[in-house]
All heavy atoms as atom14 arrays in JSON, in Angstrom:
{
  "sequence": "FEDNGLVRKTLEGPGKGRVLVIDGGGSLRCALVG",
  "atom14_mask": [
    [1, 1, 1, 1, 1, 1, 1, 1, 1, 1, 1, 0, 0, 0],
    [1, 1, 1, 1, 1, 1, 1, 1, 1, 0, 0, 0, 0, 0],
    [1, 1, 1, 1, 1, 1, 1, 1, 0, 0, 0, 0, 0, 0],
    [1, 1, 1, 1, 1, 1, 1, 1, 0, 0, 0, 0, 0, 0],
    [1, 1, 1, 1, 0, 0, 0, 0, 0, 0, 0, 0, 0, 0],
    [1, 1, 1, 1, 1, 1, 1, 1, 0, 0, 0, 0, 0, 0],
    [1, 1, 1, 1, 1, 1, 1, 0, 0, 0, 0, 0, 0, 0],
    [1, 1, 1, 1, 1, 1, 1, 1, 1, 1, 1, 0, 0, 0],
    [1, 1, 1, 1, 1, 1, 1, 1, 1, 0, 0, 0, 0, 0],
    [1, 1, 1, 1, 1, 1, 1, 0, 0, 0, 0, 0, 0, 0],
    [1, 1, 1, 1, 1, 1, 1, 1, 0, 0, 0, 0, 0, 0],
    [1, 1, 1, 1, 1, 1, 1, 1, 1, 0, 0, 0, 0, 0],
    [1, 1, 1, 1, 0, 0, 0, 0, 0, 0, 0, 0, 0, 0],
    [1, 1, 1, 1, 1, 1, 1, 0, 0, 0, 0, 0, 0, 0],
    [1, 1, 1, 1, 0, 0, 0, 0, 0, 0, 0, 0, 0, 0],
    [1, 1, 1, 1, 1, 1, 1, 1, 1, 0, 0, 0, 0, 0],
    [1, 1, 1, 1, 0, 0, 0, 0, 0, 0, 0, 0, 0, 0],
    [1, 1, 1, 1, 1, 1, 1, 1, 1, 1, 1, 0, 0, 0],
    [1, 1, 1, 1, 1, 1, 1, 0, 0, 0, 0, 0, 0, 0],
    [1, 1, 1, 1, 1, 1, 1, 1, 0, 0, 0, 0, 0, 0],
    [1, 1, 1, 1, 1, 1, 1, 0, 0, 0, 0, 0, 0, 0],
    [1, 1, 1, 1, 1, 1, 1, 1, 0, 0, 0, 0, 0, 0],
    [1, 1, 1, 1, 1, 1, 1, 1, 0, 0, 0, 0, 0, 0],
    [1, 1, 1, 1, 0, 0, 0, 0, 0, 0, 0, 0, 0, 0],
    [1, 1, 1, 1, 0, 0, 0, 0, 0, 0, 0, 0, 0, 0],
    [1, 1, 1, 1, 0, 0, 0, 0, 0, 0, 0, 0, 0, 0],
    [1, 1, 1, 1, 1, 1, 0, 0, 0, 0, 0, 0, 0, 0],
    [1, 1, 1, 1, 1, 1, 1, 1, 0, 0, 0, 0, 0, 0],
    [1, 1, 1, 1, 1, 1, 1, 1, 1, 1, 1, 0, 0, 0],
    [1, 1, 1, 1, 1, 1, 0, 0, 0, 0, 0, 0, 0, 0],
    [1, 1, 1, 1, 1, 0, 0, 0, 0, 0, 0, 0, 0, 0],
    [1, 1, 1, 1, 1, 1, 1, 1, 0, 0, 0, 0, 0, 0],
    [1, 1, 1, 1, 1, 1, 1, 0, 0, 0, 0, 0, 0, 0],
    [1, 1, 1, 1, 0, 0, 0, 0, 0, 0, 0, 0, 0, 0]
  ],
  "atom14_positions": [
    [[5.07, 0.76, 7.71], [4.44, 1.48, 8.8], [4.47, 2.97, 8.52], [5.56, 3.57, 8.46], [5.12, 1.16, 10.13], [4.37, 1.67, 11.32], [3.19, 1.07, 11.73], [4.82, 2.78, 12.03], [2.48, 1.55, 12.82], [4.12, 3.27, 13.11], [2.95, 2.65, 13.51], [0.0, 0.0, 0.0], [0.0, 0.0, 0.0], [0.0, 0.0, 0.0]],
    [[3.3, 3.56, 8.35], [3.13, 5.0, 8.16], [4.02, 5.58, 7.06], [4.49, 6.71, 7.14], [3.3, 5.72, 9.51], [2.23, 5.29, 10.5], [2.34, 5.95, 11.87], [3.24, 6.77, 12.11], [1.49, 5.63, 12.72], [0.0, 0.0, 0.0], [0.0, 0.0, 0.0], [0.0, 0.0, 0.0], [0.0, 0.0, 0.0], [0.0, 0.0, 0.0]],
    [[4.25, 4.77, 6.0], [5.08, 5.16, 4.86], [4.55, 4.44, 3.65], [4.61, 3.21, 3.59], [6.53, 4.77, 5.16], [7.47, 5.06, 4.0], [7.02, 5.38, 2.87], [8.7, 4.92, 4.21], [0.0, 0.0, 0.0], [0.0, 0.0, 0.0], [0.0, 0.0, 0.0], [0.0, 0.0, 0.0], [0.0, 0.0, 0.0], [0.0, 0.0, 0.0]],
    [[3.97, 5.17, 2.68], [3.38, 4.48, 1.54], [4.19, 4.56, 0.26], [3.68, 4.31, -0.83], [1.94, 4.94, 1.31], [1.85, 6.31, 0.71], [2.82, 7.05, 0.58], [0.64, 6.69, 0.32], [0.0, 0.0, 0.0], [0.0, 0.0, 0.0], [0.0, 0.0, 0.0], [0.0, 0.0, 0.0], [0.0, 0.0, 0.0], [0.0, 0.0, 0.0]],
    [[5.48, 4.88, 0.36], [6.33, 4.93, -0.82], [6.33, 3.62, -1.62], [6.28, 3.61, -2.84], [0.0, 0.0, 0.0], [0.0, 0.0, 0.0], [0.0, 0.0, 0.0], [0.0, 0.0, 0.0], [0.0, 0.0, 0.0], [0.0, 0.0, 0.0], [0.0, 0.0, 0.0], [0.0, 0.0, 0.0], [0.0, 0.0, 0.0], [0.0, 0.0, 0.0]],
    [[6.39, 2.51, -0.9], [6.38, 1.2, -1.57], [5.02, 0.88, -2.19], [4.96, 0.11, -3.13], [6.75, 0.08, -0.59], [8.21, -0.14, -0.25], [8.36, -1.33, 0.69], [9.03, -0.37, -1.5], [0.0, 0.0, 0.0], [0.0, 0.0, 0.0], [0.0, 0.0, 0.0], [0.0, 0.0, 0.0], [0.0, 0.0, 0.0], [0.0, 0.0, 0.0]],
    [[3.97, 1.45, -1.64], [2.63, 1.2, -2.2], [2.56, 1.75, -3.63], [2.15, 1.05, -4.55], [1.52, 1.84, -1.31], [0.15, 1.61, -1.93], [1.59, 1.27, 0.11], [0.0, 0.0, 0.0], [0.0, 0.0, 0.0], [0.0, 0.0, 0.0], [0.0, 0.0, 0.0], [0.0, 0.0, 0.0], [0.0, 0.0, 0.0], [0.0, 0.0, 0.0]],
    [[2.99, 2.96, -3.83], [3.0, 3.57, -5.16], [3.87, 2.74, -6.1], [3.48, 2.41, -7.23], [3.5, 5.01, -5.13], [3.65, 5.61, -6.56], [3.94, 7.08, -6.58], [2.83, 7.86, -6.04], [1.76, 8.2, -6.76], [1.63, 7.81, -8.01], [0.81, 8.92, -6.21], [0.0, 0.0, 0.0], [0.0, 0.0, 0.0], [0.0, 0.0, 0.0]],
    [[5.07, 2.4, -5.65], [6.01, 1.63, -6.49], [5.38, 0.31, -6.93], [5.49, -0.1, -8.09], [7.28, 1.37, -5.69], [8.35, 0.65, -6.49], [9.61, 0.45, -5.66], [10.62, -0.36, -6.43], [11.46, -1.19, -5.59], [0.0, 0.0, 0.0], [0.0, 0.0, 0.0], [0.0, 0.0, 0.0], [0.0, 0.0, 0.0], [0.0, 0.0, 0.0]],
    [[4.68, -0.36, -6.01], [4.05, -1.65, -6.31], [2.88, -1.49, -7.29], [2.77, -2.21, -8.26], [3.58, -2.32, -5.01], [4.7, -2.49, -4.16], [2.93, -3.66, -5.3], [0.0, 0.0, 0.0], [0.0, 0.0, 0.0], [0.0, 0.0, 0.0], [0.0, 0.0, 0.0], [0.0, 0.0, 0.0], [0.0, 0.0, 0.0], [0.0, 0.0, 0.0]],
    [[2.03, -0.48, -7.01], [0.83, -0.29, -7.85], [1.16, 0.25, -9.24], [0.35, 0.17, -10.15], [-0.16, 0.62, -7.15], [-0.8, 0.07, -5.86], [-1.67, 1.06, -5.19], [-1.52, -1.25, -6.15], [0.0, 0.0, 0.0], [0.0, 0.0, 0.0], [0.0, 0.0, 0.0], [0.0, 0.0, 0.0], [0.0, 0.0, 0.0], [0.0, 0.0, 0.0]],
    [[2.37, 0.8, -9.42], [2.81, 1.23, -10.74], [3.08, 0.04, -11.65], [3.11, 0.17, -12.86], [4.07, 2.1, -10.64], [3.78, 3.51, -10.14], [5.04, 4.32, -9.86], [6.14, 3.74, -9.74], [4.91, 5.55, -9.72], [0.0, 0.0, 0.0], [0.0, 0.0, 0.0], [0.0, 0.0, 0.0], [0.0, 0.0, 0.0], [0.0, 0.0, 0.0]],
    [[3.3, -1.13, -11.04], [3.55, -2.35, -11.83], [2.25, -3.0, -12.23], [1.17, -2.66, -11.74], [0.0, 0.0, 0.0], [0.0, 0.0, 0.0], [0.0, 0.0, 0.0], [0.0, 0.0, 0.0], [0.0, 0.0, 0.0], [0.0, 0.0, 0.0], [0.0, 0.0, 0.0], [0.0, 0.0, 0.0], [0.0, 0.0, 0.0], [0.0, 0.0, 0.0]],
    [[2.34, -3.97, -13.16], [1.15, -4.66, -13.64], [0.48, -5.48, -12.51], [1.13, -6.29, -11.86], [1.64, -5.55, -14.77], [3.11, -5.67, -14.58], [3.56, -4.47, -13.8], [0.0, 0.0, 0.0], [0.0, 0.0, 0.0], [0.0, 0.0, 0.0], [0.0, 0.0, 0.0], [0.0, 0.0, 0.0], [0.0, 0.0, 0.0], [0.0, 0.0, 0.0]],
    [[-0.81, -5.24, -12.32], [-1.53, -5.97, -11.26], [-1.87, -7.39, -11.65], [-1.95, -8.27, -10.8], [0.0, 0.0, 0.0], [0.0, 0.0, 0.0], [0.0, 0.0, 0.0], [0.0, 0.0, 0.0], [0.0, 0.0, 0.0], [0.0, 0.0, 0.0], [0.0, 0.0, 0.0], [0.0, 0.0, 0.0], [0.0, 0.0, 0.0], [0.0, 0.0, 0.0]],
    [[-2.17, -7.62, -12.93], [-2.5, -8.96, -13.42], [-3.64, -9.6, -12.61], [-3.61, -10.78, -12.33], [-1.29, -9.88, -13.41], [-0.15, -9.38, -14.25], [1.08, -10.26, -14.13], [2.28, -9.65, -14.81], [3.54, -10.27, -14.44], [0.0, 0.0, 0.0], [0.0, 0.0, 0.0], [0.0, 0.0, 0.0], [0.0, 0.0, 0.0], [0.0, 0.0, 0.0]],
    [[-4.6, -8.76, -12.16], [-5.75, -9.3, -11.44], [-5.45, -9.67, -9.99], [-6.26, -10.33, -9.33], [0.0, 0.0, 0.0], [0.0, 0.0, 0.0], [0.0, 0.0, 0.0], [0.0, 0.0, 0.0], [0.0, 0.0, 0.0], [0.0, 0.0, 0.0], [0.0, 0.0, 0.0], [0.0, 0.0, 0.0], [0.0, 0.0, 0.0], [0.0, 0.0, 0.0]],
    [[-4.28, -9.26, -9.49], [-3.91, -9.62, -8.12], [-4.55, -8.67, -7.12], [-5.08, -7.6, -7.45], [-2.39, -9.59, -7.93], [-1.65, -10.68, -8.67], [-0.16, -10.55, -8.55], [0.29, -9.3, -9.15], [1.49, -8.76, -8.94], [2.35, -9.34, -8.13], [1.82, -7.62, -9.54], [0.0, 0.0, 0.0], [0.0, 0.0, 0.0], [0.0, 0.0, 0.0]],
    [[-4.46, -9.04, -5.83], [-4.92, -8.23, -4.72], [-3.68, -7.85, -3.89], [-2.9, -8.71, -3.49], [-5.91, -8.99, -3.81], [-6.27, -8.17, -2.58], [-7.16, -9.39, -4.6], [0.0, 0.0, 0.0], [0.0, 0.0, 0.0], [0.0, 0.0, 0.0], [0.0, 0.0, 0.0], [0.0, 0.0, 0.0], [0.0, 0.0, 0.0], [0.0, 0.0, 0.0]],
    [[-3.5, -6.54, -3.68], [-2.38, -6.08, -2.84], [-2.82, -6.05, -1.4], [-3.77, -5.32, -1.04], [-1.92, -4.69, -3.29], [-0.73, -4.12, -2.5], [0.49, -5.02, -2.59], [-0.39, -2.71, -2.98], [0.0, 0.0, 0.0], [0.0, 0.0, 0.0], [0.0, 0.0, 0.0], [0.0, 0.0, 0.0], [0.0, 0.0, 0.0], [0.0, 0.0, 0.0]],
    [[-2.16, -6.81, -0.56], [-2.43, -6.84, 0.89], [-1.33, -6.03, 1.56], [-0.15, -6.39, 1.5], [-2.47, -8.29, 1.43], [-2.64, -8.29, 2.94], [-3.57, -9.08, 0.74], [0.0, 0.0, 0.0], [0.0, 0.0, 0.0], [0.0, 0.0, 0.0], [0.0, 0.0, 0.0], [0.0, 0.0, 0.0], [0.0, 0.0, 0.0], [0.0, 0.0, 0.0]],
    [[-1.74, -4.92, 2.21], [-0.78, -4.02, 2.85], [-0.93, -4.14, 4.36], [-1.97, -3.82, 4.91], [-1.07, -2.55, 2.45], [-1.01, -2.39, 0.93], [-0.07, -1.62, 3.14], [-1.55, -1.07, 0.44], [0.0, 0.0, 0.0], [0.0, 0.0, 0.0], [0.0, 0.0, 0.0], [0.0, 0.0, 0.0], [0.0, 0.0, 0.0], [0.0, 0.0, 0.0]],
    [[0.13, -4.63, 5.01], [0.12, -4.65, 6.47], [0.75, -3.35, 6.95], [1.97, -3.23, 6.97], [0.89, -5.85, 7.02], [0.82, -5.92, 8.54], [0.18, -5.05, 9.16], [1.42, -6.84, 9.11], [0.0, 0.0, 0.0], [0.0, 0.0, 0.0], [0.0, 0.0, 0.0], [0.0, 0.0, 0.0], [0.0, 0.0, 0.0], [0.0, 0.0, 0.0]],
    [[-0.09, -2.41, 7.3], [0.37, -1.13, 7.82], [0.43, -1.1, 9.33], [0.42, -0.01, 9.94], [0.0, 0.0, 0.0], [0.0, 0.0, 0.0], [0.0, 0.0, 0.0], [0.0, 0.0, 0.0], [0.0, 0.0, 0.0], [0.0, 0.0, 0.0], [0.0, 0.0, 0.0], [0.0, 0.0, 0.0], [0.0, 0.0, 0.0], [0.0, 0.0, 0.0]],
    [[0.49, -2.27, 9.96], [0.61, -2.34, 11.41], [-0.63, -1.87, 12.14], [-0.6, -1.68, 13.35], [0.0, 0.0, 0.0], [0.0, 0.0, 0.0], [0.0, 0.0, 0.0], [0.0, 0.0, 0.0], [0.0, 0.0, 0.0], [0.0, 0.0, 0.0], [0.0, 0.0, 0.0], [0.0, 0.0, 0.0], [0.0, 0.0, 0.0], [0.0, 0.0, 0.0]],
    [[-1.74, -1.73, 11.42], [-2.98, -1.29, 12.06], [-2.99, 0.18, 12.47], [-3.83, 0.6, 13.24], [0.0, 0.0, 0.0], [0.0, 0.0, 0.0], [0.0, 0.0, 0.0], [0.0, 0.0, 0.0], [0.0, 0.0, 0.0], [0.0, 0.0, 0.0], [0.0, 0.0, 0.0], [0.0, 0.0, 0.0], [0.0, 0.0, 0.0], [0.0, 0.0, 0.0]],
    [[-2.04, 0.96, 11.94], [-1.96, 2.36, 12.33], [-3.21, 3.14, 11.92], [-3.68, 3.02, 10.8], [-0.75, 3.02, 11.68], [-0.77, 4.41, 11.92], [0.0, 0.0, 0.0], [0.0, 0.0, 0.0], [0.0, 0.0, 0.0], [0.0, 0.0, 0.0], [0.0, 0.0, 0.0], [0.0, 0.0, 0.0], [0.0, 0.0, 0.0], [0.0, 0.0, 0.0]],
    [[-3.71, 3.93, 12.87], [-4.85, 4.8, 12.6], [-4.42, 6.27, 12.62], [-5.22, 7.16, 12.85], [-5.94, 4.56, 13.66], [-6.48, 3.12, 13.74], [-7.51, 3.0, 14.85], [-7.08, 2.69, 12.4], [0.0, 0.0, 0.0], [0.0, 0.0, 0.0], [0.0, 0.0, 0.0], [0.0, 0.0, 0.0], [0.0, 0.0, 0.0], [0.0, 0.0, 0.0]],
    [[-3.11, 6.53, 12.38], [-2.57, 7.9, 12.46], [-2.34, 8.58, 11.11], [-2.02, 9.77, 11.09], [-1.24, 7.88, 13.25], [-1.45, 7.35, 14.67], [-0.27, 7.54, 15.55], [0.96, 6.99, 14.98], [2.07, 6.76, 15.7], [2.06, 7.01, 17.0], [3.13, 6.26, 15.13], [0.0, 0.0, 0.0], [0.0, 0.0, 0.0], [0.0, 0.0, 0.0]],
    [[-2.5, 7.85, 10.02], [-2.38, 8.44, 8.67], [-2.93, 7.46, 7.67], [-3.22, 6.3, 8.0], [-0.92, 8.81, 8.36], [0.23, 7.42, 8.42], [0.0, 0.0, 0.0], [0.0, 0.0, 0.0], [0.0, 0.0, 0.0], [0.0, 0.0, 0.0], [0.0, 0.0, 0.0], [0.0, 0.0, 0.0], [0.0, 0.0, 0.0], [0.0, 0.0, 0.0]],
    [[-3.07, 7.89, 6.42], [-3.67, 7.07, 5.36], [-2.58, 6.5, 4.43], [-1.72, 7.24, 3.98], [-4.66, 7.88, 4.55], [0.0, 0.0, 0.0], [0.0, 0.0, 0.0], [0.0, 0.0, 0.0], [0.0, 0.0, 0.0], [0.0, 0.0, 0.0], [0.0, 0.0, 0.0], [0.0, 0.0, 0.0], [0.0, 0.0, 0.0], [0.0, 0.0, 0.0]],
    [[-2.67, 5.2, 4.17], [-1.68, 4.54, 3.31], [-2.08, 4.56, 1.84], [-1.25, 4.37, 0.95], [-1.47, 3.1, 3.77], [-0.77, 2.95, 5.12], [-0.8, 1.5, 5.57], [0.65, 3.5, 5.06], [0.0, 0.0, 0.0], [0.0, 0.0, 0.0], [0.0, 0.0, 0.0], [0.0, 0.0, 0.0], [0.0, 0.0, 0.0], [0.0, 0.0, 0.0]],
    [[-3.39, 4.71, 1.58], [-3.88, 4.72, 0.19], [-4.87, 5.87, 0.05], [-5.73, 6.06, 0.93], [-4.6, 3.39, -0.15], [-5.24, 3.47, -1.55], [-3.61, 2.24, -0.09], [0.0, 0.0, 0.0], [0.0, 0.0, 0.0], [0.0, 0.0, 0.0], [0.0, 0.0, 0.0], [0.0, 0.0, 0.0], [0.0, 0.0, 0.0], [0.0, 0.0, 0.0]],
    [[-4.74, 6.61, -1.05], [-5.7, 7.69, -1.38], [-6.21, 7.49, -2.78], [-5.95, 6.46, -3.41], [0.0, 0.0, 0.0], [0.0, 0.0, 0.0], [0.0, 0.0, 0.0], [0.0, 0.0, 0.0], [0.0, 0.0, 0.0], [0.0, 0.0, 0.0], [0.0, 0.0, 0.0], [0.0, 0.0, 0.0], [0.0, 0.0, 0.0], [0.0, 0.0, 0.0]]
  ]
}
């Protein structure tokens, strides 16, 4: 929730064609991905 530190950590790893599903709680107060 309103913290994308784990997003960077995850995307730094090999994706292997996967899809990252991020449940940000539906927050419209900041951006989780840039």
